[in-house]
Amino acid sequence: MTDEEITYASVTFKARKQSKFTAEREETVYDEVKVNHKNPPGPNGALLQEKNEGEKSRLSQLFHPCCGILYGFLIMAVIGLFVYFSLCSYGGTDELIELKTNQTKLLENSQNQTRLQNALLSDYENLRKDHRNLTALWSNLMDSFMDLQTKLQNISAQNLQLVTQNEDLKTETVNLRQQKDNMEAEWNKLNDSRAQWSVDAYCPKDKKKRECKACQKNWTHLQTKCYKVNQEKMITWRQAQQDCQSKNSQLLLLNKVPKKITSVEQFWIGLSVENGKWRWINGSTLLDLSKPLVDGHCAAVSVKDNAWKSVDCNGKSYWICEKEPLSL
């Protein structure tokens, strides 16, 4: 290292005006300062001193012009810095105005965005409500759809059942028609047979000759009726009525004994207690209330007394059937 020691110093330049948006900062300029340490005078001190003085005079002659030049440059630099910082200051004011304008616009945009956000939030809430309502409606529609689907399945099953029943009815109709045709054929045969029976019953052959009568064989014709006295056995009132019906007739509708038709002691007639009244089998009501009204009782005529009496229908007696005579 030489005899000259280098020392560093810091110089700070501050502008007159600074923008409030510009951070404060210091500019540091480093320069070298040389310190000359003189040696103590020695034996040759005078000679060296003269030499140094000569050198100083030469350096002094060179230093003054250089200092003038440097001073000029320094003034120009100061003026340049002043102009620069002035322009920066004015530019900062314009920038501040522009920033304030931008800030105002940003605030307006922020307010607009806030209003838009509030509107969107309101629309969002409305959409959520609509979504809930639509969800409930969809659920109800699904329930209705399931109910309709179940009903449709039931109707389809019923329809299938009806189709099956219809087919069965068609088959049954065909069978009934066949039965009807068979019954008609059988009825025609029966009519022919009945006609023949009627001829044989009302016009029996006697010595190869037919003689027709108003009442059939073994029946008694008296006044306007034909009578059949059944005295082979005794039966109940209902059995007697069924027997007369099988002979195309009915129980006797007289409450007294017809003369010259029977000599039996007692026989059933077509009179019984029905719904608390004495009714004939043809539906008419007997007005004679001299006999007690007992449910399950029927009327029987006593030949000895020549009058009818109330007896248990389950009792047994003979019976007489009657019907209209044949018109000749």
C-alpha atoms as a PDB file:
ATOM      1  CA  MET A   1       0.000   0.000   0.000  1.00  0.00           C
ATOM      2  CA  THR A   2       1.343   3.502  -0.851  1.00  0.00           C
ATOM      3  CA  ASP A   3       1.982   6.301   1.548  1.00  0.00           C
ATOM      4  CA  GLU A   4      -1.349   7.863   0.532  1.00  0.00           C
ATOM      5  CA  GLU A   5      -4.350   6.622   2.573  1.00  0.00           C
ATOM      6  CA  ILE A   6      -7.797   6.629   0.905  1.00  0.00           C
ATOM      7  CA  THR A   7     -10.767   7.884   2.967  1.00  0.00           C
ATOM      8  CA  TYR A   8     -14.415   7.541   1.843  1.00  0.00           C
ATOM      9  CA  ALA A   9     -17.077  10.184   2.543  1.00  0.00           C
ATOM     10  CA  SER A  10     -20.789  10.270   1.679  1.00  0.00           C
ATOM     11  CA  VAL A  11     -22.511  13.305   0.106  1.00  0.00           C
ATOM     12  CA  THR A  12     -26.347  13.569   0.025  1.00  0.00           C
ATOM     13  CA  PHE A  13     -28.362  15.636  -2.474  1.00  0.00           C
ATOM     14  CA  LYS A  14     -32.036  16.394  -1.698  1.00  0.00           C
ATOM     15  CA  ALA A  15     -34.625  17.625  -4.173  1.00  0.00           C
ATOM     16  CA  ARG A  16     -36.760  20.617  -3.299  1.00  0.00           C
ATOM     17  CA  LYS A  17     -40.115  18.849  -3.858  1.00  0.00           C
ATOM     18  CA  GLN A  18     -40.873  15.169  -3.838  1.00  0.00           C
ATOM     19  CA  SER A  19     -44.076  13.369  -4.790  1.00  0.00           C
ATOM     20  CA  LYS A  20     -46.057  12.013  -1.838  1.00  0.00           C
ATOM     21  CA  PHE A  21     -46.305   8.703  -3.665  1.00  0.00           C
ATOM     22  CA  THR A  22     -42.497   8.517  -4.064  1.00  0.00           C
ATOM     23  CA  ALA A  23     -40.594   6.963  -1.207  1.00  0.00           C
ATOM     24  CA  GLU A  24     -37.863   9.054   0.359  1.00  0.00           C
ATOM     25  CA  ARG A  25     -34.480   7.799  -0.515  1.00  0.00           C
ATOM     26  CA  GLU A  26     -30.963   9.085  -0.160  1.00  0.00           C
ATOM     27  CA  GLU A  27     -28.445   9.115  -2.950  1.00  0.00           C
ATOM     28  CA  THR A  28     -24.967   8.352  -1.771  1.00  0.00           C
ATOM     29  CA  VAL A  29     -21.906   9.473  -3.795  1.00  0.00           C
ATOM     30  CA  TYR A  30     -18.616   8.030  -2.920  1.00  0.00           C
ATOM     31  CA  ASP A  31     -15.330   9.933  -3.605  1.00  0.00           C
ATOM     32  CA  GLU A  32     -11.736   9.451  -2.696  1.00  0.00           C
ATOM     33  CA  VAL A  33      -9.930  11.881  -0.415  1.00  0.00           C
ATOM     34  CA  LYS A  34      -6.224  11.502  -0.338  1.00  0.00           C
ATOM     35  CA  VAL A  35      -4.330  12.480   2.743  1.00  0.00           C
ATOM     36  CA  ASN A  36      -0.622  13.219   2.313  1.00  0.00           C
ATOM     37  CA  HIS A  37       1.523  12.262   5.201  1.00  0.00           C
ATOM     38  CA  LYS A  38       4.643  14.311   5.097  1.00  0.00           C
ATOM     39  CA  ASN A  39       7.828  12.723   6.178  1.00  0.00           C
ATOM     40  CA  PRO A  40       9.884  14.596   8.680  1.00  0.00           C
ATOM     41  CA  PRO A  41      12.674  16.691   7.201  1.00  0.00           C
ATOM     42  CA  GLY A  42      15.875  14.850   6.821  1.00  0.00           C
ATOM     43  CA  PRO A  43      19.371  15.658   5.675  1.00  0.00           C
ATOM     44  CA  ASN A  44      18.201  16.291   2.174  1.00  0.00           C
ATOM     45  CA  GLY A  45      15.111  18.144   3.287  1.00  0.00           C
ATOM     46  CA  ALA A  46      15.999  21.449   1.696  1.00  0.00           C
ATOM     47  CA  LEU A  47      16.634  19.928  -1.670  1.00  0.00           C
ATOM     48  CA  LEU A  48      13.476  17.942  -1.593  1.00  0.00           C
ATOM     49  CA  GLN A  49      11.511  20.955  -0.450  1.00  0.00           C
ATOM     50  CA  GLU A  50      12.668  23.016  -3.392  1.00  0.00           C
ATOM     51  CA  LYS A  51      11.842  20.240  -5.716  1.00  0.00           C
ATOM     52  CA  ASN A  52       8.408  19.890  -4.227  1.00  0.00           C
ATOM     53  CA  GLU A  53       7.792  23.610  -4.442  1.00  0.00           C
ATOM     54  CA  GLY A  54       8.616  23.523  -8.142  1.00  0.00           C
ATOM     55  CA  GLU A  55       6.265  20.708  -8.675  1.00  0.00           C
ATOM     56  CA  LYS A  56       3.560  22.517  -6.711  1.00  0.00           C
ATOM     57  CA  SER A  57       3.924  25.598  -8.873  1.00  0.00           C
ATOM     58  CA  ARG A  58       3.443  23.515 -11.983  1.00  0.00           C
ATOM     59  CA  LEU A  59       0.488  21.692 -10.454  1.00  0.00           C
ATOM     60  CA  SER A  60      -0.967  25.020  -9.375  1.00  0.00           C
ATOM     61  CA  GLN A  61      -0.768  26.289 -12.922  1.00  0.00           C
ATOM     62  CA  LEU A  62      -2.627  23.178 -14.140  1.00  0.00           C
ATOM     63  CA  PHE A  63      -5.107  23.109 -11.230  1.00  0.00           C
ATOM     64  CA  HIS A  64      -6.773  26.477 -11.798  1.00  0.00           C
ATOM     65  CA  PRO A  65      -7.910  25.801 -15.378  1.00  0.00           C
ATOM     66  CA  CYS A  66      -9.084  22.334 -14.368  1.00  0.00           C
ATOM     67  CA  CYS A  67     -10.975  23.770 -11.428  1.00  0.00           C
ATOM     68  CA  GLY A  68     -12.686  26.254 -13.740  1.00  0.00           C
ATOM     69  CA  ILE A  69     -13.688  23.507 -16.077  1.00  0.00           C
ATOM     70  CA  LEU A  70     -14.875  21.303 -13.220  1.00  0.00           C
ATOM     71  CA  TYR A  71     -16.771  24.234 -11.714  1.00  0.00           C
ATOM     72  CA  GLY A  72     -18.524  24.797 -15.013  1.00  0.00           C
ATOM     73  CA  PHE A  73     -19.426  21.162 -15.235  1.00  0.00           C
ATOM     74  CA  LEU A  74     -20.609  21.240 -11.621  1.00  0.00           C
ATOM     75  CA  ILE A  75     -22.858  24.244 -12.300  1.00  0.00           C
ATOM     76  CA  MET A  76     -24.268  22.556 -15.372  1.00  0.00           C
ATOM     77  CA  ALA A  77     -24.872  19.377 -13.357  1.00  0.00           C
ATOM     78  CA  VAL A  78     -26.624  21.347 -10.616  1.00  0.00           C
ATOM     79  CA  ILE A  79     -28.789  23.143 -13.184  1.00  0.00           C
ATOM     80  CA  GLY A  80     -29.570  19.816 -14.865  1.00  0.00           C
ATOM     81  CA  LEU A  81     -30.491  18.258 -11.558  1.00  0.00           C
ATOM     82  CA  PHE A  82     -32.674  21.246 -10.693  1.00  0.00           C
ATOM     83  CA  VAL A  83     -34.449  21.029 -14.041  1.00  0.00           C
ATOM     84  CA  TYR A  84     -34.814  17.265 -13.686  1.00  0.00           C
ATOM     85  CA  PHE A  85     -36.271  17.455 -10.197  1.00  0.00           C
ATOM     86  CA  SER A  86     -38.549  20.321 -11.235  1.00  0.00           C
ATOM     87  CA  LEU A  87     -39.858  18.283 -14.136  1.00  0.00           C
ATOM     88  CA  CYS A  88     -40.252  15.296 -11.833  1.00  0.00           C
ATOM     89  CA  SER A  89     -42.161  17.480  -9.399  1.00  0.00           C
ATOM     90  CA  TYR A  90     -44.525  18.774 -12.103  1.00  0.00           C
ATOM     91  CA  GLY A  91     -44.834  15.313 -13.571  1.00  0.00           C
ATOM     92  CA  GLY A  92     -45.690  13.982 -10.105  1.00  0.00           C
ATOM     93  CA  THR A  93     -48.511  16.544  -9.790  1.00  0.00           C
ATOM     94  CA  ASP A  94     -49.984  15.457 -13.116  1.00  0.00           C
ATOM     95  CA  GLU A  95     -49.537  11.857 -12.122  1.00  0.00           C
ATOM     96  CA  LEU A  96     -51.252  12.613  -8.787  1.00  0.00           C
ATOM     97  CA  ILE A  97     -54.205  14.171 -10.622  1.00  0.00           C
ATOM     98  CA  GLU A  98     -54.338  11.191 -12.944  1.00  0.00           C
ATOM     99  CA  LEU A  99     -54.127   8.834  -9.974  1.00  0.00           C
ATOM    100  CA  LYS A 100     -56.952  10.708  -8.229  1.00  0.00           C
ATOM    101  CA  THR A 101     -59.013  10.479 -11.414  1.00  0.00           C
ATOM    102  CA  ASN A 102     -58.258   6.783 -11.662  1.00  0.00           C
ATOM    103  CA  GLN A 103     -59.073   6.407  -7.966  1.00  0.00           C
ATOM    104  CA  THR A 104     -62.458   8.106  -8.525  1.00  0.00           C
ATOM    105  CA  LYS A 105     -63.143   5.832 -11.458  1.00  0.00           C
ATOM    106  CA  LEU A 106     -62.083   2.813  -9.442  1.00  0.00           C
ATOM    107  CA  LEU A 107     -64.382   3.881  -6.588  1.00  0.00           C
ATOM    108  CA  GLU A 108     -67.250   4.259  -9.030  1.00  0.00           C
ATOM    109  CA  ASN A 109     -66.432   0.874 -10.519  1.00  0.00           C
ATOM    110  CA  SER A 110     -66.246  -0.577  -7.017  1.00  0.00           C
ATOM    111  CA  GLN A 111     -69.644   0.882  -6.150  1.00  0.00           C
ATOM    112  CA  ASN A 112     -71.058  -0.421  -9.419  1.00  0.00           C
ATOM    113  CA  GLN A 113     -69.551  -3.806  -8.712  1.00  0.00           C
ATOM    114  CA  THR A 114     -71.029  -3.701  -5.197  1.00  0.00           C
ATOM    115  CA  ARG A 115     -74.468  -2.864  -6.563  1.00  0.00           C
ATOM    116  CA  LEU A 116     -74.071  -5.557  -9.190  1.00  0.00           C
ATOM    117  CA  GLN A 117     -72.967  -7.998  -6.504  1.00  0.00           C
ATOM    118  CA  ASN A 118     -76.017  -7.126  -4.378  1.00  0.00           C
ATOM    119  CA  ALA A 119     -78.268  -7.580  -7.403  1.00  0.00           C
ATOM    120  CA  LEU A 120     -76.599 -10.887  -8.179  1.00  0.00           C
ATOM    121  CA  LEU A 121     -76.998 -11.974  -4.546  1.00  0.00           C
ATOM    122  CA  SER A 122     -80.693 -11.047  -4.690  1.00  0.00           C
ATOM    123  CA  ASP A 123     -81.077 -12.949  -7.945  1.00  0.00           C
ATOM    124  CA  TYR A 124     -79.191 -15.846  -6.390  1.00  0.00           C
ATOM    125  CA  GLU A 125     -81.556 -15.927  -3.402  1.00  0.00           C
ATOM    126  CA  ASN A 126     -84.543 -15.754  -5.741  1.00  0.00           C
ATOM    127  CA  LEU A 127     -83.072 -18.564  -7.791  1.00  0.00           C
ATOM    128  CA  ARG A 128     -82.548 -20.608  -4.625  1.00  0.00           C
ATOM    129  CA  LYS A 129     -86.179 -20.044  -3.647  1.00  0.00           C
ATOM    130  CA  ASP A 130     -87.286 -20.962  -7.154  1.00  0.00           C
ATOM    131  CA  HIS A 131     -85.053 -24.016  -6.985  1.00  0.00           C
ATOM    132  CA  ARG A 132     -86.619 -25.090  -3.680  1.00  0.00           C
ATOM    133  CA  ASN A 133     -90.100 -24.505  -5.073  1.00  0.00           C
ATOM    134  CA  LEU A 134     -89.259 -26.398  -8.241  1.00  0.00           C
ATOM    135  CA  THR A 135     -87.746 -29.200  -6.179  1.00  0.00           C
ATOM    136  CA  ALA A 136     -90.939 -29.468  -4.113  1.00  0.00           C
ATOM    137  CA  LEU A 137     -93.022 -29.284  -7.283  1.00  0.00           C
ATOM    138  CA  TRP A 138     -90.854 -31.943  -8.887  1.00  0.00           C
ATOM    139  CA  SER A 139     -91.277 -34.140  -5.816  1.00  0.00           C
ATOM    140  CA  ASN A 140     -95.045 -33.689  -5.961  1.00  0.00           C
ATOM    141  CA  LEU A 141     -95.016 -34.420  -9.680  1.00  0.00           C
ATOM    142  CA  MET A 142     -92.972 -37.553  -9.076  1.00  0.00           C
ATOM    143  CA  ASP A 143     -95.434 -38.667  -6.388  1.00  0.00           C
ATOM    144  CA  SER A 144     -98.318 -37.973  -8.760  1.00  0.00           C
ATOM    145  CA  PHE A 145     -96.471 -39.802 -11.510  1.00  0.00           C
ATOM    146  CA  MET A 146     -95.914 -42.814  -9.262  1.00  0.00           C
ATOM    147  CA  ASP A 147     -99.590 -42.768  -8.267  1.00  0.00           C
ATOM    148  CA  LEU A 148    -100.628 -42.527 -11.906  1.00  0.00           C
ATOM    149  CA  GLN A 149     -98.212 -45.281 -12.811  1.00  0.00           C
ATOM    150  CA  THR A 150     -99.656 -47.476 -10.065  1.00  0.00           C
ATOM    151  CA  LYS A 151    -103.185 -46.662 -11.238  1.00  0.00           C
ATOM    152  CA  LEU A 152    -102.130 -47.375 -14.811  1.00  0.00           C
ATOM    153  CA  GLN A 153    -100.730 -50.726 -13.752  1.00  0.00           C
ATOM    154  CA  ASN A 154    -103.943 -51.484 -11.885  1.00  0.00           C
ATOM    155  CA  ILE A 155    -106.011 -50.389 -14.876  1.00  0.00           C
ATOM    156  CA  SER A 156    -103.819 -52.483 -17.159  1.00  0.00           C
ATOM    157  CA  ALA A 157    -104.302 -55.467 -14.869  1.00  0.00           C
ATOM    158  CA  GLN A 158    -108.047 -54.809 -14.755  1.00  0.00           C
ATOM    159  CA  ASN A 159    -108.087 -54.397 -18.524  1.00  0.00           C
ATOM    160  CA  LEU A 160    -106.265 -57.687 -18.922  1.00  0.00           C
ATOM    161  CA  GLN A 161    -108.712 -59.270 -16.516  1.00  0.00           C
ATOM    162  CA  LEU A 162    -111.617 -57.760 -18.459  1.00  0.00           C
ATOM    163  CA  VAL A 163    -110.136 -59.035 -21.711  1.00  0.00           C
ATOM    164  CA  THR A 164    -109.884 -62.484 -20.161  1.00  0.00           C
ATOM    165  CA  GLN A 165    -113.436 -62.209 -18.848  1.00  0.00           C
ATOM    166  CA  ASN A 166    -114.569 -60.996 -22.268  1.00  0.00           C
ATOM    167  CA  GLU A 167    -112.983 -64.020 -23.882  1.00  0.00           C
ATOM    168  CA  ASP A 168    -114.617 -66.227 -21.284  1.00  0.00           C
ATOM    169  CA  LEU A 169    -117.948 -64.499 -21.939  1.00  0.00           C
ATOM    170  CA  LYS A 170    -117.530 -65.013 -25.658  1.00  0.00           C
ATOM    171  CA  THR A 171    -116.849 -68.671 -25.057  1.00  0.00           C
ATOM    172  CA  GLU A 172    -119.776 -68.852 -22.651  1.00  0.00           C
ATOM    173  CA  THR A 173    -121.970 -67.040 -25.197  1.00  0.00           C
ATOM    174  CA  VAL A 174    -121.068 -69.604 -27.817  1.00  0.00           C
ATOM    175  CA  ASN A 175    -121.835 -72.365 -25.338  1.00  0.00           C
ATOM    176  CA  LEU A 176    -125.133 -70.715 -24.352  1.00  0.00           C
ATOM    177  CA  ARG A 177    -126.122 -70.352 -27.980  1.00  0.00           C
ATOM    178  CA  GLN A 178    -125.342 -73.986 -28.502  1.00  0.00           C
ATOM    179  CA  GLN A 179    -127.357 -74.844 -25.405  1.00  0.00           C
ATOM    180  CA  LYS A 180    -130.181 -72.596 -26.644  1.00  0.00           C
ATOM    181  CA  ASP A 181    -130.189 -74.345 -29.986  1.00  0.00           C
ATOM    182  CA  ASN A 182    -130.172 -77.686 -28.218  1.00  0.00           C
ATOM    183  CA  MET A 183    -132.946 -76.555 -25.864  1.00  0.00           C
ATOM    184  CA  GLU A 184    -135.019 -75.264 -28.763  1.00  0.00           C
ATOM    185  CA  ALA A 185    -134.611 -78.568 -30.509  1.00  0.00           C
ATOM    186  CA  GLU A 186    -135.476 -80.355 -27.291  1.00  0.00           C
ATOM    187  CA  TRP A 187    -138.393 -77.967 -26.711  1.00  0.00           C
ATOM    188  CA  ASN A 188    -139.742 -78.697 -30.140  1.00  0.00           C
ATOM    189  CA  LYS A 189    -139.511 -82.358 -29.394  1.00  0.00           C
ATOM    190  CA  LEU A 190    -141.209 -81.780 -26.036  1.00  0.00           C
ATOM    191  CA  ASN A 191    -143.934 -79.740 -27.701  1.00  0.00           C
ATOM    192  CA  ASP A 192    -144.536 -82.524 -30.110  1.00  0.00           C
ATOM    193  CA  SER A 193    -144.478 -84.974 -27.229  1.00  0.00           C
ATOM    194  CA  ARG A 194    -146.656 -82.680 -25.079  1.00  0.00           C
ATOM    195  CA  ALA A 195    -149.115 -82.251 -27.895  1.00  0.00           C
ATOM    196  CA  GLN A 196    -149.251 -85.958 -28.195  1.00  0.00           C
ATOM    197  CA  TRP A 197    -149.561 -86.254 -24.428  1.00  0.00           C
ATOM    198  CA  SER A 198    -152.347 -83.672 -24.406  1.00  0.00           C
ATOM    199  CA  VAL A 199    -154.150 -85.601 -27.082  1.00  0.00           C
ATOM    200  CA  ASP A 200    -153.708 -88.812 -25.142  1.00  0.00           C
ATOM    201  CA  ALA A 201    -154.646 -87.117 -21.817  1.00  0.00           C
ATOM    202  CA  TYR A 202    -157.698 -85.225 -22.981  1.00  0.00           C
ATOM    203  CA  CYS A 203    -158.710 -87.522 -25.835  1.00  0.00           C
ATOM    204  CA  PRO A 204    -157.970 -91.051 -24.664  1.00  0.00           C
ATOM    205  CA  LYS A 205    -158.532 -93.961 -26.964  1.00  0.00           C
ATOM    206  CA  ASP A 206    -161.481 -96.138 -26.106  1.00  0.00           C
ATOM    207  CA  LYS A 207    -161.910 -99.141 -28.326  1.00  0.00           C
ATOM    208  CA  LYS A 208    -159.778 -97.555 -31.043  1.00  0.00           C
ATOM    209  CA  LYS A 209    -161.819 -94.393 -30.844  1.00  0.00           C
ATOM    210  CA  ARG A 210    -160.819 -91.095 -29.250  1.00  0.00           C
ATOM    211  CA  GLU A 211    -163.243 -89.130 -27.135  1.00  0.00           C
ATOM    212  CA  CYS A 212    -162.068 -85.679 -26.006  1.00  0.00           C
ATOM    213  CA  LYS A 213    -163.015 -84.225 -22.610  1.00  0.00           C
ATOM    214  CA  ALA A 214    -162.466 -80.864 -20.842  1.00  0.00           C
ATOM    215  CA  CYS A 215    -160.383 -82.464 -18.084  1.00  0.00           C
ATOM    216  CA  GLN A 216    -157.675 -85.002 -18.561  1.00  0.00           C
ATOM    217  CA  LYS A 217    -157.947 -88.606 -17.495  1.00  0.00           C
ATOM    218  CA  ASN A 218    -158.427 -89.214 -13.719  1.00  0.00           C
ATOM    219  CA  TRP A 219    -159.420 -85.552 -13.145  1.00  0.00           C
ATOM    220  CA  THR A 220    -162.938 -84.470 -12.137  1.00  0.00           C
ATOM    221  CA  HIS A 221    -164.642 -81.692 -14.055  1.00  0.00           C
ATOM    222  CA  LEU A 222    -166.865 -79.659 -11.744  1.00  0.00           C
ATOM    223  CA  GLN A 223    -168.369 -76.387 -12.836  1.00  0.00           C
ATOM    224  CA  THR A 224    -165.435 -74.335 -14.239  1.00  0.00           C
ATOM    225  CA  LYS A 225    -162.487 -76.261 -12.811  1.00  0.00           C
ATOM    226  CA  CYS A 226    -160.760 -79.569 -13.085  1.00  0.00           C
ATOM    227  CA  TYR A 227    -159.866 -81.250  -9.762  1.00  0.00           C
ATOM    228  CA  LYS A 228    -157.457 -84.042  -8.905  1.00  0.00           C
ATOM    229  CA  VAL A 229    -157.883 -85.691  -5.491  1.00  0.00           C
ATOM    230  CA  ASN A 230    -154.635 -87.203  -4.196  1.00  0.00           C
ATOM    231  CA  GLN A 231    -155.435 -89.684  -1.447  1.00  0.00           C
ATOM    232  CA  GLU A 232    -152.813 -92.358  -2.009  1.00  0.00           C
ATOM    233  CA  LYS A 233    -150.574 -90.892   0.736  1.00  0.00           C
ATOM    234  CA  MET A 234    -150.301 -87.880   3.043  1.00  0.00           C
ATOM    235  CA  ILE A 235    -147.569 -85.234   2.587  1.00  0.00           C
ATOM    236  CA  THR A 236    -146.650 -81.732   3.894  1.00  0.00           C
ATOM    237  CA  TRP A 237    -148.209 -78.534   2.574  1.00  0.00           C
ATOM    238  CA  ARG A 238    -145.081 -77.525   0.579  1.00  0.00           C
ATOM    239  CA  GLN A 239    -144.745 -81.004  -0.930  1.00  0.00           C
ATOM    240  CA  ALA A 240    -148.399 -80.884  -1.953  1.00  0.00           C
ATOM    241  CA  GLN A 241    -147.890 -77.504  -3.664  1.00  0.00           C
ATOM    242  CA  GLN A 242    -144.843 -78.805  -5.545  1.00  0.00           C
ATOM    243  CA  ASP A 243    -146.789 -81.876  -6.695  1.00  0.00           C
ATOM    244  CA  CYS A 244    -149.611 -79.711  -8.055  1.00  0.00           C
ATOM    245  CA  GLN A 245    -147.104 -77.470  -9.875  1.00  0.00           C
ATOM    246  CA  SER A 246    -145.539 -80.535 -11.509  1.00  0.00           C
ATOM    247  CA  LYS A 247    -149.041 -81.335 -12.887  1.00  0.00           C
ATOM    248  CA  ASN A 248    -149.404 -77.797 -14.303  1.00  0.00           C
ATOM    249  CA  SER A 249    -151.903 -76.935 -11.580  1.00  0.00           C
ATOM    250  CA  GLN A 250    -152.053 -75.524  -8.037  1.00  0.00           C
ATOM    251  CA  LEU A 251    -153.517 -76.358  -4.625  1.00  0.00           C
ATOM    252  CA  LEU A 252    -157.234 -75.907  -4.239  1.00  0.00           C
ATOM    253  CA  LEU A 253    -158.291 -72.258  -3.825  1.00  0.00           C
ATOM    254  CA  LEU A 254    -161.580 -72.994  -2.005  1.00  0.00           C
ATOM    255  CA  ASN A 255    -162.061 -72.824   1.738  1.00  0.00           C
ATOM    256  CA  LYS A 256    -164.921 -75.309   1.587  1.00  0.00           C
ATOM    257  CA  VAL A 257    -165.234 -78.857   0.295  1.00  0.00           C
ATOM    258  CA  PRO A 258    -166.522 -79.044  -3.285  1.00  0.00           C
ATOM    259  CA  LYS A 259    -169.398 -81.422  -3.501  1.00  0.00           C
ATOM    260  CA  LYS A 260    -168.995 -84.839  -5.118  1.00  0.00           C
ATOM    261  CA  ILE A 261    -165.212 -84.719  -5.486  1.00  0.00           C
ATOM    262  CA  THR A 262    -163.833 -86.361  -2.350  1.00  0.00           C
ATOM    263  CA  SER A 263    -164.614 -88.231   0.786  1.00  0.00           C
ATOM    264  CA  VAL A 264    -161.220 -87.855   2.548  1.00  0.00           C
ATOM    265  CA  GLU A 265    -161.225 -86.506   6.088  1.00  0.00           C
ATOM    266  CA  GLN A 266    -158.766 -83.603   5.598  1.00  0.00           C
ATOM    267  CA  PHE A 267    -156.777 -82.121   2.706  1.00  0.00           C
ATOM    268  CA  TRP A 268    -154.471 -79.156   2.033  1.00  0.00           C
ATOM    269  CA  ILE A 269    -155.652 -76.009   0.272  1.00  0.00           C
ATOM    270  CA  GLY A 270    -153.589 -73.156  -1.191  1.00  0.00           C
ATOM    271  CA  LEU A 271    -153.723 -70.868   1.874  1.00  0.00           C
ATOM    272  CA  SER A 272    -150.902 -70.077   4.360  1.00  0.00           C
ATOM    273  CA  VAL A 273    -149.680 -67.399   6.813  1.00  0.00           C
ATOM    274  CA  GLU A 274    -147.281 -64.994   5.083  1.00  0.00           C
ATOM    275  CA  ASN A 275    -145.935 -61.747   6.629  1.00  0.00           C
ATOM    276  CA  GLY A 276    -148.597 -61.807   9.349  1.00  0.00           C
ATOM    277  CA  LYS A 277    -151.482 -62.340   6.923  1.00  0.00           C
ATOM    278  CA  TRP A 278    -153.439 -65.247   5.446  1.00  0.00           C
ATOM    279  CA  ARG A 279    -152.535 -65.293   1.744  1.00  0.00           C
ATOM    280  CA  TRP A 280    -153.662 -67.494  -1.130  1.00  0.00           C
ATOM    281  CA  ILE A 281    -150.976 -68.911  -3.407  1.00  0.00           C
ATOM    282  CA  ASN A 282    -152.170 -66.606  -6.213  1.00  0.00           C
ATOM    283  CA  GLY A 283    -151.121 -63.595  -4.046  1.00  0.00           C
ATOM    284  CA  SER A 284    -154.553 -62.451  -2.845  1.00  0.00           C
ATOM    285  CA  THR A 285    -155.244 -61.816   0.864  1.00  0.00           C
ATOM    286  CA  LEU A 286    -157.969 -63.573   2.865  1.00  0.00           C
ATOM    287  CA  LEU A 287    -160.080 -61.033   4.707  1.00  0.00           C
ATOM    288  CA  ASP A 288    -161.449 -63.567   7.202  1.00  0.00           C
ATOM    289  CA  LEU A 289    -159.486 -63.011  10.433  1.00  0.00           C
ATOM    290  CA  SER A 290    -161.318 -65.622  12.505  1.00  0.00           C
ATOM    291  CA  LYS A 291    -158.305 -67.954  12.413  1.00  0.00           C
ATOM    292  CA  PRO A 292    -155.158 -67.145  14.423  1.00  0.00           C
ATOM    293  CA  LEU A 293    -152.152 -65.784  12.492  1.00  0.00           C
ATOM    294  CA  VAL A 294    -149.272 -68.071  13.398  1.00  0.00           C
ATOM    295  CA  ASP A 295    -146.066 -68.137  11.352  1.00  0.00           C
ATOM    296  CA  GLY A 296    -145.490 -71.581   9.848  1.00  0.00           C
ATOM    297  CA  HIS A 297    -149.196 -72.457   9.741  1.00  0.00           C
ATOM    298  CA  CYS A 298    -151.149 -73.456   6.628  1.00  0.00           C
ATOM    299  CA  ALA A 299    -154.816 -74.097   5.904  1.00  0.00           C
ATOM    300  CA  ALA A 300    -156.404 -77.554   5.689  1.00  0.00           C
ATOM    301  CA  VAL A 301    -160.106 -78.314   5.004  1.00  0.00           C
ATOM    302  CA  SER A 302    -161.926 -80.731   7.274  1.00  0.00           C
ATOM    303  CA  VAL A 303    -164.566 -82.729   5.391  1.00  0.00           C
ATOM    304  CA  LYS A 304    -166.345 -83.537   8.621  1.00  0.00           C
ATOM    305  CA  ASP A 305    -166.631 -79.874   9.668  1.00  0.00           C
ATOM    306  CA  ASN A 306    -166.853 -78.602   6.064  1.00  0.00           C
ATOM    307  CA  ALA A 307    -164.553 -75.713   7.045  1.00  0.00           C
ATOM    308  CA  TRP A 308    -160.835 -74.918   7.013  1.00  0.00           C
ATOM    309  CA  LYS A 309    -158.543 -74.697  10.005  1.00  0.00           C
ATOM    310  CA  SER A 310    -155.027 -73.508  10.823  1.00  0.00           C
ATOM    311  CA  VAL A 311    -152.488 -76.335  11.201  1.00  0.00           C
ATOM    312  CA  ASP A 312    -148.708 -76.704  11.154  1.00  0.00           C
ATOM    313  CA  CYS A 313    -147.401 -76.670   7.574  1.00  0.00           C
ATOM    314  CA  ASN A 314    -145.020 -79.498   8.431  1.00  0.00           C
ATOM    315  CA  GLY A 315    -147.936 -81.734   9.299  1.00  0.00           C
ATOM    316  CA  LYS A 316    -149.133 -84.282   6.733  1.00  0.00           C
ATOM    317  CA  SER A 317    -152.420 -84.546   4.939  1.00  0.00           C
ATOM    318  CA  TYR A 318    -154.024 -85.410   1.607  1.00  0.00           C
ATOM    319  CA  TRP A 319    -154.328 -82.692  -1.046  1.00  0.00           C
ATOM    320  CA  ILE A 320    -156.431 -81.579  -4.008  1.00  0.00           C
ATOM    321  CA  CYS A 321    -155.073 -79.880  -7.138  1.00  0.00           C
ATOM    322  CA  GLU A 322    -157.062 -77.675  -9.494  1.00  0.00           C
ATOM    323  CA  LYS A 323    -156.584 -76.132 -12.937  1.00  0.00           C
ATOM    324  CA  GLU A 324    -158.484 -74.682 -15.836  1.00  0.00           C
ATOM    325  CA  PRO A 325    -160.369 -77.105 -18.148  1.00  0.00           C
ATOM    326  CA  LEU A 326    -159.480 -77.478 -21.817  1.00  0.00           C
ATOM    327  CA  SER A 327    -161.592 -75.428 -24.188  1.00  0.00           C
ATOM    328  CA  LEU A 328    -163.254 -77.739 -26.704  1.00  0.00           C
END
